[in-house]
C-alpha atoms as a PDB file:
ATOM      1  CA  UNK A   1       1.013  12.620  66.792  1.00  0.00           C
ATOM      2  CA  UNK A   2       0.322  14.724  63.709  1.00  0.00           C
ATOM      3  CA  UNK A   3       4.039  15.371  63.360  1.00  0.00           C
ATOM      4  CA  UNK A   4       4.806  11.672  63.427  1.00  0.00           C
ATOM      5  CA  UNK A   5       2.155  10.948  60.795  1.00  0.00           C
ATOM      6  CA  UNK A   6       3.521  13.680  58.540  1.00  0.00           C
ATOM      7  CA  UNK A   7       7.072  12.396  58.926  1.00  0.00           C
ATOM      8  CA  UNK A   8       5.958   8.869  58.034  1.00  0.00           C
ATOM      9  CA  UNK A   9       4.132  10.191  54.956  1.00  0.00           C
ATOM     10  CA  UNK A  10       7.205  12.096  53.761  1.00  0.00           C
ATOM     11  CA  UNK A  11       9.377   9.025  54.267  1.00  0.00           C
ATOM     12  CA  UNK A  12       7.024   6.860  52.201  1.00  0.00           C
ATOM     13  CA  UNK A  13       6.926   9.487  49.430  1.00  0.00           C
ATOM     14  CA  UNK A  14      10.698   9.716  49.318  1.00  0.00           C
ATOM     15  CA  UNK A  15      10.913   5.925  49.134  1.00  0.00           C
ATOM     16  CA  UNK A  16       8.395   5.830  46.286  1.00  0.00           C
ATOM     17  CA  UNK A  17      10.314   8.470  44.360  1.00  0.00           C
ATOM     18  CA  UNK A  18      13.549   6.542  44.791  1.00  0.00           C
ATOM     19  CA  UNK A  19      11.868   3.363  43.507  1.00  0.00           C
ATOM     20  CA  UNK A  20      10.457   5.135  40.437  1.00  0.00           C
ATOM     21  CA  UNK A  21      13.849   6.685  39.656  1.00  0.00           C
ATOM     22  CA  UNK A  22      15.483   3.260  39.891  1.00  0.00           C
ATOM     23  CA  UNK A  23      12.792   1.744  37.643  1.00  0.00           C
ATOM     24  CA  UNK A  24      13.144   4.466  35.005  1.00  0.00           C
ATOM     25  CA  UNK A  25      16.937   4.135  34.995  1.00  0.00           C
ATOM     26  CA  UNK A  26      16.685   0.381  34.540  1.00  0.00           C
ATOM     27  CA  UNK A  27      14.168   0.778  31.724  1.00  0.00           C
ATOM     28  CA  UNK A  28      16.433   3.240  30.000  1.00  0.00           C
ATOM     29  CA  UNK A  29      19.248   0.703  30.043  1.00  0.00           C
ATOM     30  CA  UNK A  30      17.216  -1.978  28.270  1.00  0.00           C
ATOM     31  CA  UNK A  31      18.824  -2.864  24.938  1.00  0.00           C
ATOM     32  CA  UNK A  32      16.531  -2.245  21.997  1.00  0.00           C
ATOM     33  CA  UNK A  33      17.246  -4.081  18.764  1.00  0.00           C
ATOM     34  CA  UNK A  34      18.176  -1.663  15.972  1.00  0.00           C
ATOM     35  CA  UNK A  35      15.461  -0.919  13.409  1.00  0.00           C
ATOM     36  CA  UNK A  36      15.851  -3.206  10.422  1.00  0.00           C
ATOM     37  CA  UNK A  37      15.134  -1.842   6.961  1.00  0.00           C
ATOM     38  CA  UNK A  38      12.370  -3.920   5.301  1.00  0.00           C
ATOM     39  CA  UNK A  39      13.484  -6.245   2.539  1.00  0.00           C
ATOM     40  CA  UNK A  40      11.998  -5.720  -0.905  1.00  0.00           C
ATOM     41  CA  UNK A  41      11.933  -8.158  -3.820  1.00  0.00           C
ATOM     42  CA  UNK A  42      12.143  -6.951  -7.397  1.00  0.00           C
ATOM     43  CA  UNK A  43       9.612  -8.143  -9.984  1.00  0.00           C
ATOM     44  CA  UNK A  44       9.997  -7.299 -13.658  1.00  0.00           C
ATOM     45  CA  UNK A  45       6.927  -6.017 -15.482  1.00  0.00           C
ATOM     46  CA  UNK A  46       6.098  -4.452 -18.866  1.00  0.00           C
ATOM     47  CA  UNK A  47       5.766  -1.120 -17.019  1.00  0.00           C
ATOM     48  CA  UNK A  48       9.133  -1.270 -15.304  1.00  0.00           C
ATOM     49  CA  UNK A  49      10.419  -2.935 -12.188  1.00  0.00           C
ATOM     50  CA  UNK A  50       8.067  -3.451  -9.258  1.00  0.00           C
ATOM     51  CA  UNK A  51       9.283  -3.926  -5.704  1.00  0.00           C
ATOM     52  CA  UNK A  52       7.158  -5.923  -3.256  1.00  0.00           C
ATOM     53  CA  UNK A  53       7.632  -6.492   0.461  1.00  0.00           C
ATOM     54  CA  UNK A  54       5.816  -8.573   3.044  1.00  0.00           C
ATOM     55  CA  UNK A  55       5.435  -9.265   6.747  1.00  0.00           C
ATOM     56  CA  UNK A  56       3.887 -12.266   8.453  1.00  0.00           C
ATOM     57  CA  UNK A  57       2.763 -13.986   5.237  1.00  0.00           C
ATOM     58  CA  UNK A  58       1.014 -10.919   3.813  1.00  0.00           C
ATOM     59  CA  UNK A  59       2.099  -8.298   1.308  1.00  0.00           C
ATOM     60  CA  UNK A  60       2.658  -4.898   2.869  1.00  0.00           C
ATOM     61  CA  UNK A  61       3.877  -3.016  -0.173  1.00  0.00           C
ATOM     62  CA  UNK A  62       3.767  -3.049  -3.982  1.00  0.00           C
ATOM     63  CA  UNK A  63       5.653  -0.140  -5.549  1.00  0.00           C
ATOM     64  CA  UNK A  64       6.958   0.833  -8.956  1.00  0.00           C
ATOM     65  CA  UNK A  65      10.663   1.567  -8.717  1.00  0.00           C
ATOM     66  CA  UNK A  66      11.207   5.304  -8.385  1.00  0.00           C
ATOM     67  CA  UNK A  67       7.562   6.202  -7.847  1.00  0.00           C
ATOM     68  CA  UNK A  68       6.429   8.905  -5.447  1.00  0.00           C
ATOM     69  CA  UNK A  69       6.380   7.871  -1.788  1.00  0.00           C
ATOM     70  CA  UNK A  70       8.761   4.975  -2.466  1.00  0.00           C
ATOM     71  CA  UNK A  71       9.757   3.695   1.004  1.00  0.00           C
ATOM     72  CA  UNK A  72      13.208   2.958   2.379  1.00  0.00           C
ATOM     73  CA  UNK A  73      13.825  -0.679   1.446  1.00  0.00           C
ATOM     74  CA  UNK A  74      16.753  -3.028   1.147  1.00  0.00           C
ATOM     75  CA  UNK A  75      16.389  -4.765  -2.233  1.00  0.00           C
ATOM     76  CA  UNK A  76      17.141  -8.497  -2.274  1.00  0.00           C
ATOM     77  CA  UNK A  77      20.019  -9.481  -4.539  1.00  0.00           C
ATOM     78  CA  UNK A  78      18.497 -11.499  -7.374  1.00  0.00           C
ATOM     79  CA  UNK A  79      21.494 -13.852  -7.362  1.00  0.00           C
ATOM     80  CA  UNK A  80      21.921 -14.023  -3.592  1.00  0.00           C
ATOM     81  CA  UNK A  81      20.593 -16.182  -0.785  1.00  0.00           C
ATOM     82  CA  UNK A  82      17.846 -13.692   0.069  1.00  0.00           C
ATOM     83  CA  UNK A  83      16.257 -14.072  -3.354  1.00  0.00           C
ATOM     84  CA  UNK A  84      16.556 -17.861  -3.295  1.00  0.00           C
ATOM     85  CA  UNK A  85      14.741 -17.921   0.054  1.00  0.00           C
ATOM     86  CA  UNK A  86      11.940 -15.520  -0.816  1.00  0.00           C
ATOM     87  CA  UNK A  87       8.729 -16.061   1.178  1.00  0.00           C
ATOM     88  CA  UNK A  88       5.856 -17.907  -0.440  1.00  0.00           C
ATOM     89  CA  UNK A  89       3.693 -14.769  -0.415  1.00  0.00           C
ATOM     90  CA  UNK A  90       6.326 -13.011  -2.552  1.00  0.00           C
ATOM     91  CA  UNK A  91       6.373 -15.902  -5.023  1.00  0.00           C
ATOM     92  CA  UNK A  92       2.560 -15.812  -5.138  1.00  0.00           C
ATOM     93  CA  UNK A  93       2.597 -12.069  -5.785  1.00  0.00           C
ATOM     94  CA  UNK A  94       5.146 -12.579  -8.564  1.00  0.00           C
ATOM     95  CA  UNK A  95       2.983 -15.221 -10.257  1.00  0.00           C
ATOM     96  CA  UNK A  96      -0.231 -13.219  -9.942  1.00  0.00           C
ATOM     97  CA  UNK A  97       1.301  -9.967 -11.181  1.00  0.00           C
ATOM     98  CA  UNK A  98       2.785 -11.804 -14.174  1.00  0.00           C
ATOM     99  CA  UNK A  99      -0.651 -13.277 -14.910  1.00  0.00           C
ATOM    100  CA  UNK A 100      -2.312  -9.872 -14.514  1.00  0.00           C
ATOM    101  CA  UNK A 101      -0.003  -8.221 -17.029  1.00  0.00           C
ATOM    102  CA  UNK A 102      -0.538 -11.139 -19.405  1.00  0.00           C
ATOM    103  CA  UNK A 103      -4.290 -10.497 -19.229  1.00  0.00           C
ATOM    104  CA  UNK A 104      -4.898 -13.857 -17.560  1.00  0.00           C
ATOM    105  CA  UNK A 105      -5.880 -12.690 -14.063  1.00  0.00           C
ATOM    106  CA  UNK A 106      -8.558 -10.255 -12.965  1.00  0.00           C
ATOM    107  CA  UNK A 107      -8.910 -10.944  -9.236  1.00  0.00           C
ATOM    108  CA  UNK A 108      -5.872 -11.144  -6.953  1.00  0.00           C
ATOM    109  CA  UNK A 109      -5.898 -13.707  -4.160  1.00  0.00           C
ATOM    110  CA  UNK A 110      -2.486 -12.992  -2.624  1.00  0.00           C
ATOM    111  CA  UNK A 111      -3.001 -11.841   0.987  1.00  0.00           C
ATOM    112  CA  UNK A 112      -2.091  -8.261   1.793  1.00  0.00           C
ATOM    113  CA  UNK A 113      -2.210  -5.936   4.758  1.00  0.00           C
ATOM    114  CA  UNK A 114      -1.626  -2.198   5.032  1.00  0.00           C
ATOM    115  CA  UNK A 115       0.521  -1.684   8.121  1.00  0.00           C
ATOM    116  CA  UNK A 116       0.729   2.095   7.809  1.00  0.00           C
ATOM    117  CA  UNK A 117      -1.655   4.934   7.103  1.00  0.00           C
ATOM    118  CA  UNK A 118      -4.170   7.033   9.004  1.00  0.00           C
ATOM    119  CA  UNK A 119      -7.661   5.702   9.761  1.00  0.00           C
ATOM    120  CA  UNK A 120      -9.009   7.868   6.917  1.00  0.00           C
ATOM    121  CA  UNK A 121      -6.420   6.561   4.450  1.00  0.00           C
ATOM    122  CA  UNK A 122      -7.185   2.979   5.410  1.00  0.00           C
ATOM    123  CA  UNK A 123     -10.896   3.631   4.900  1.00  0.00           C
ATOM    124  CA  UNK A 124     -10.206   4.936   1.396  1.00  0.00           C
ATOM    125  CA  UNK A 125      -7.912   1.994   0.574  1.00  0.00           C
ATOM    126  CA  UNK A 126     -10.589  -0.467   1.660  1.00  0.00           C
ATOM    127  CA  UNK A 127     -13.011   1.199  -0.741  1.00  0.00           C
ATOM    128  CA  UNK A 128     -10.447   1.077  -3.549  1.00  0.00           C
ATOM    129  CA  UNK A 129     -10.179  -2.680  -3.101  1.00  0.00           C
ATOM    130  CA  UNK A 130     -13.894  -2.985  -3.942  1.00  0.00           C
ATOM    131  CA  UNK A 131     -13.564  -1.464  -7.425  1.00  0.00           C
ATOM    132  CA  UNK A 132     -14.037  -4.299  -9.942  1.00  0.00           C
ATOM    133  CA  UNK A 133     -11.611  -5.082 -12.737  1.00  0.00           C
ATOM    134  CA  UNK A 134     -12.170  -2.896 -15.784  1.00  0.00           C
ATOM    135  CA  UNK A 135     -14.300  -0.280 -14.016  1.00  0.00           C
ATOM    136  CA  UNK A 136     -13.452   3.345 -13.430  1.00  0.00           C
ATOM    137  CA  UNK A 137     -14.824   5.531 -10.651  1.00  0.00           C
ATOM    138  CA  UNK A 138     -14.278   9.157  -9.724  1.00  0.00           C
ATOM    139  CA  UNK A 139     -12.965  10.617  -6.503  1.00  0.00           C
ATOM    140  CA  UNK A 140     -16.465  11.976  -5.947  1.00  0.00           C
ATOM    141  CA  UNK A 141     -17.875   8.451  -6.308  1.00  0.00           C
ATOM    142  CA  UNK A 142     -15.534   7.273  -3.558  1.00  0.00           C
ATOM    143  CA  UNK A 143     -16.658  10.181  -1.366  1.00  0.00           C
ATOM    144  CA  UNK A 144     -20.312   9.236  -1.811  1.00  0.00           C
ATOM    145  CA  UNK A 145     -19.622   5.573  -1.066  1.00  0.00           C
ATOM    146  CA  UNK A 146     -17.979   6.645   2.178  1.00  0.00           C
ATOM    147  CA  UNK A 147     -20.886   8.990   3.001  1.00  0.00           C
ATOM    148  CA  UNK A 148     -18.598  11.992   2.721  1.00  0.00           C
ATOM    149  CA  UNK A 149     -19.331  15.322   1.019  1.00  0.00           C
ATOM    150  CA  UNK A 150     -18.150  15.634  -2.577  1.00  0.00           C
ATOM    151  CA  UNK A 151     -15.768  18.296  -1.298  1.00  0.00           C
ATOM    152  CA  UNK A 152     -13.762  15.483   0.294  1.00  0.00           C
ATOM    153  CA  UNK A 153     -12.593  14.399  -3.159  1.00  0.00           C
ATOM    154  CA  UNK A 154      -9.279  16.230  -2.747  1.00  0.00           C
ATOM    155  CA  UNK A 155      -8.505  14.419   0.517  1.00  0.00           C
ATOM    156  CA  UNK A 156      -9.518  11.142  -1.129  1.00  0.00           C
ATOM    157  CA  UNK A 157      -7.133  11.880  -3.991  1.00  0.00           C
ATOM    158  CA  UNK A 158      -4.326  12.410  -1.502  1.00  0.00           C
ATOM    159  CA  UNK A 159      -5.092   9.104   0.251  1.00  0.00           C
ATOM    160  CA  UNK A 160      -5.330   7.413  -3.133  1.00  0.00           C
ATOM    161  CA  UNK A 161      -1.820   8.595  -3.957  1.00  0.00           C
ATOM    162  CA  UNK A 162      -0.519   7.112  -0.703  1.00  0.00           C
ATOM    163  CA  UNK A 163      -1.885   3.634  -1.403  1.00  0.00           C
ATOM    164  CA  UNK A 164       1.013   1.297  -0.505  1.00  0.00           C
ATOM    165  CA  UNK A 165      -0.231  -1.722  -2.474  1.00  0.00           C
ATOM    166  CA  UNK A 166      -0.379  -0.597  -6.094  1.00  0.00           C
ATOM    167  CA  UNK A 167      -2.263  -2.604  -8.747  1.00  0.00           C
ATOM    168  CA  UNK A 168      -3.594  -5.160  -6.238  1.00  0.00           C
ATOM    169  CA  UNK A 169      -5.444  -2.381  -4.431  1.00  0.00           C
ATOM    170  CA  UNK A 170      -6.424  -0.693  -7.704  1.00  0.00           C
ATOM    171  CA  UNK A 171      -5.962   3.026  -7.126  1.00  0.00           C
ATOM    172  CA  UNK A 172      -5.348   3.331 -10.889  1.00  0.00           C
ATOM    173  CA  UNK A 173      -9.081   2.830 -11.461  1.00  0.00           C
ATOM    174  CA  UNK A 174      -9.924   6.197  -9.875  1.00  0.00           C
ATOM    175  CA  UNK A 175     -10.125   9.121 -12.291  1.00  0.00           C
ATOM    176  CA  UNK A 176     -11.452  12.672 -12.330  1.00  0.00           C
ATOM    177  CA  UNK A 177     -15.197  13.224 -12.697  1.00  0.00           C
ATOM    178  CA  UNK A 178     -14.445  14.699 -16.141  1.00  0.00           C
ATOM    179  CA  UNK A 179     -12.916  11.394 -17.192  1.00  0.00           C
ATOM    180  CA  UNK A 180      -9.395  12.811 -17.219  1.00  0.00           C
ATOM    181  CA  UNK A 181      -6.531  10.882 -15.722  1.00  0.00           C
ATOM    182  CA  UNK A 182      -5.147  12.604 -12.653  1.00  0.00           C
ATOM    183  CA  UNK A 183      -2.320  11.994 -10.201  1.00  0.00           C
ATOM    184  CA  UNK A 184      -0.874   8.514  -9.844  1.00  0.00           C
ATOM    185  CA  UNK A 185       2.180   7.810  -7.699  1.00  0.00           C
ATOM    186  CA  UNK A 186       3.577   5.499 -10.377  1.00  0.00           C
ATOM    187  CA  UNK A 187       3.147   8.105 -13.128  1.00  0.00           C
ATOM    188  CA  UNK A 188       0.283   8.884 -15.499  1.00  0.00           C
ATOM    189  CA  UNK A 189       1.801   6.810 -18.303  1.00  0.00           C
ATOM    190  CA  UNK A 190       1.560   3.719 -16.119  1.00  0.00           C
ATOM    191  CA  UNK A 191      -1.959   4.589 -14.989  1.00  0.00           C
ATOM    192  CA  UNK A 192      -3.046   4.951 -18.610  1.00  0.00           C
ATOM    193  CA  UNK A 193      -1.399   1.636 -19.552  1.00  0.00           C
ATOM    194  CA  UNK A 194      -3.070  -0.225 -16.676  1.00  0.00           C
ATOM    195  CA  UNK A 195      -6.488   1.120 -17.625  1.00  0.00           C
ATOM    196  CA  UNK A 196      -5.936   0.261 -21.289  1.00  0.00           C
ATOM    197  CA  UNK A 197      -4.896  -3.273 -20.335  1.00  0.00           C
ATOM    198  CA  UNK A 198      -8.107  -3.818 -18.374  1.00  0.00           C
ATOM    199  CA  UNK A 199     -10.245  -2.166 -21.039  1.00  0.00           C
ATOM    200  CA  UNK A 200      -8.706  -4.365 -23.709  1.00  0.00           C
ATOM    201  CA  UNK A 201      -9.382  -7.535 -21.713  1.00  0.00           C
ATOM    202  CA  UNK A 202     -12.982  -6.488 -21.058  1.00  0.00           C
ATOM    203  CA  UNK A 203     -13.382  -5.844 -24.792  1.00  0.00           C
ATOM    204  CA  UNK A 204     -12.040  -9.291 -25.611  1.00  0.00           C
ATOM    205  CA  UNK A 205     -14.534 -10.756 -23.143  1.00  0.00           C
ATOM    206  CA  UNK A 206     -17.345  -8.957 -24.935  1.00  0.00           C
ATOM    207  CA  UNK A 207     -18.092  -6.718 -21.961  1.00  0.00           C
ATOM    208  CA  UNK A 208     -17.364  -3.497 -23.879  1.00  0.00           C
ATOM    209  CA  UNK A 209     -18.159  -2.308 -27.428  1.00  0.00           C
ATOM    210  CA  UNK A 210     -15.481  -3.099 -29.972  1.00  0.00           C
ATOM    211  CA  UNK A 211     -14.644   0.549 -30.601  1.00  0.00           C
ATOM    212  CA  UNK A 212     -13.997   1.297 -26.912  1.00  0.00           C
ATOM    213  CA  UNK A 213     -10.258   0.804 -27.413  1.00  0.00           C
ATOM    214  CA  UNK A 214      -9.180   3.144 -30.188  1.00  0.00           C
ATOM    215  CA  UNK A 215      -5.981   1.391 -31.227  1.00  0.00           C
ATOM    216  CA  UNK A 216      -5.861  -2.092 -32.664  1.00  0.00           C
ATOM    217  CA  UNK A 217      -2.171  -2.299 -31.742  1.00  0.00           C
ATOM    218  CA  UNK A 218      -2.053  -2.785 -27.992  1.00  0.00           C
ATOM    219  CA  UNK A 219       1.185  -2.784 -26.071  1.00  0.00           C
ATOM    220  CA  UNK A 220       1.918  -2.296 -22.388  1.00  0.00           C
ATOM    221  CA  UNK A 221       5.479  -1.199 -23.027  1.00  0.00           C
ATOM    222  CA  UNK A 222       6.098   2.403 -22.001  1.00  0.00           C
END
């Protein structure tokens, strides 16, 4: 009797193995659509070309052309069908960025969503989004706001540099505790220009003393 039971068990196990092998083979033969390179749309700015991309009606990237960590993108031909059919969120981003550089917009309303990044990076990016227009905070300030030791400032700086939604998520407003400008994926010249733009607008609004901006001649051109 025991022999019969054992034989039945072995037969069932062999049948189960055969089924799993068949299932795995079938799964391996499923056709997967090739990965499609995201489409980016070029926006001109006083600080050089900006490339934006989106998914599902939300921005997923805002990058200066040639900056560090620039992703693999297929750029829409400005004279082609892709550009003429750009999503509404891209058009909204274009309008708001133009208004920002003209000093006419301080709060962005275009929807955005970070689809990459570690949980820590996302936490830092969320905190960056809370920095008001015209303000500057240090990496140590961000650490304290996240209830992290000041020693985490270096890791925060790294996450700051990986921010995929430049300007709109204002990583340019984070500086060293000494007040010095430090790393910015788009380049320190651009970081300085963005801060000067915001400082100038705050001065014009009467929020800062008149001598806060040293130069009377203000230009965003690099």
